[in-house]
Structures are given as C-alpha cells and as structure tokens.
Amino acid sequence: MELACAIESLPPVYLEIILLRDFEELTIKEICERLGVTVATAKSRLHRARVLVKEYLFGTDSSPSDGAWPAQD
C-alpha cells in the first residue's frame, strides 16, 4: 500500500517512466522511442524516480537540508 502511495506521489514525468520500466517492463530503448527522449534522459529520469520513491518510503535524503553542498577542504 505504501509503495502505491509513493509511486502516486511522483511528479508526472517520473511517474510515467517508472511505470513504463518497472510495471510495463519496457527496455530503455523502447522507453526512449515511446517518449522521444535520449537514453541519458530516460536513465536520469528513472534514477530520480527511484530515488524519490525510496525517500518517500524510508525518509532518506542524500542531499543537504539547506540545499548547499559541504565545503571542500
């Protein structure tokens, strides 16, 4: 049930790609053809969609809360 809520909470562009890949089981090439995007774009969107679902389910966030990256020494 929580997984369904997590997926439904995705912005449309990420919802579409995760449904195509993980539920319709299309290949990246098939997704690119259907959406008219590059392989890099499809992979990037899929990765981001999966990260967002993980964050929803587990409350993890790998980015700093203030949006700034730590200073490099």
Protein backbone atom coordinates (compact mmCIF):
# COMPACT_ATOMS: atom_id res chain seq x y z
CA MET A 1 0.00 0.00 0.00
CA GLU A 2 2.81 2.41 0.89
CA LEU A 3 4.60 1.62 -2.36
CA ALA A 4 1.48 2.56 -4.33
CA CYS A 5 1.25 5.85 -2.40
CA ALA A 6 4.93 6.53 -3.04
CA ILE A 7 4.55 5.95 -6.76
CA GLU A 8 1.37 8.03 -6.98
CA SER A 9 3.15 10.91 -5.26
CA LEU A 10 5.69 11.21 -8.09
CA PRO A 11 5.57 14.16 -10.48
CA PRO A 12 4.06 13.04 -13.83
CA VAL A 13 7.37 12.87 -15.72
CA TYR A 14 8.81 10.46 -13.14
CA LEU A 15 5.58 8.51 -12.69
CA GLU A 16 5.43 7.83 -16.42
CA ILE A 17 8.96 6.49 -16.67
CA ILE A 18 8.77 4.26 -13.60
CA LEU A 19 5.50 2.76 -14.82
CA LEU A 20 6.95 2.09 -18.27
CA ARG A 21 10.12 0.46 -16.94
CA ASP A 22 9.10 -1.30 -13.75
CA PHE A 23 5.47 -2.20 -14.49
CA GLU A 24 5.24 -2.48 -18.28
CA GLU A 25 8.82 -3.82 -18.30
CA LEU A 26 9.85 -1.86 -21.40
CA THR A 27 13.53 -1.61 -22.21
CA ILE A 28 15.31 1.73 -22.05
CA LYS A 29 15.38 1.75 -25.86
CA GLU A 30 11.61 1.17 -26.03
CA ILE A 31 11.02 3.92 -23.47
CA CYS A 32 13.17 6.33 -25.48
CA GLU A 33 11.21 5.58 -28.63
CA ARG A 34 7.85 5.98 -26.89
CA LEU A 35 8.75 9.20 -25.09
CA GLY A 36 11.02 10.69 -27.75
CA VAL A 37 13.90 11.20 -25.32
CA THR A 38 17.56 10.24 -25.29
CA VAL A 39 18.95 7.25 -23.40
CA ALA A 40 20.64 9.63 -20.95
CA THR A 41 17.36 11.43 -20.27
CA ALA A 42 15.46 8.19 -19.75
CA LYS A 43 18.09 6.79 -17.39
CA SER A 44 18.29 10.04 -15.46
CA ARG A 45 14.52 10.24 -15.01
CA LEU A 46 14.30 6.60 -13.98
CA HIS A 47 17.07 7.03 -11.43
CA ARG A 48 15.44 10.15 -9.99
CA ALA A 49 12.04 8.44 -9.84
CA ARG A 50 13.50 5.54 -7.89
CA VAL A 51 15.32 7.90 -5.52
CA LEU A 52 12.08 9.79 -4.86
CA VAL A 53 10.20 6.55 -4.14
CA LYS A 54 12.97 5.45 -1.77
CA GLU A 55 12.88 8.80 0.02
CA TYR A 56 9.11 8.55 0.37
CA LEU A 57 9.27 5.03 1.78
CA PHE A 58 12.32 5.32 4.01
CA GLY A 59 12.61 9.03 4.67
CA THR A 60 16.16 9.12 3.34
CA ASP A 61 17.52 12.18 1.65
CA SER A 62 21.07 12.22 0.40
CA SER A 63 21.15 15.97 -0.23
CA PRO A 64 21.82 18.53 2.49
CA SER A 65 18.67 20.00 4.02
CA ASP A 66 19.69 23.59 3.20
CA GLY A 67 20.37 22.67 -0.42
CA ALA A 68 24.07 23.53 -0.15
CA TRP A 69 26.83 21.01 -0.59
CA PRO A 70 29.51 20.75 2.08
CA ALA A 71 32.57 22.88 1.56
CA GLN A 72 35.57 21.15 0.04
CA ASP A 73 38.81 21.24 2.07
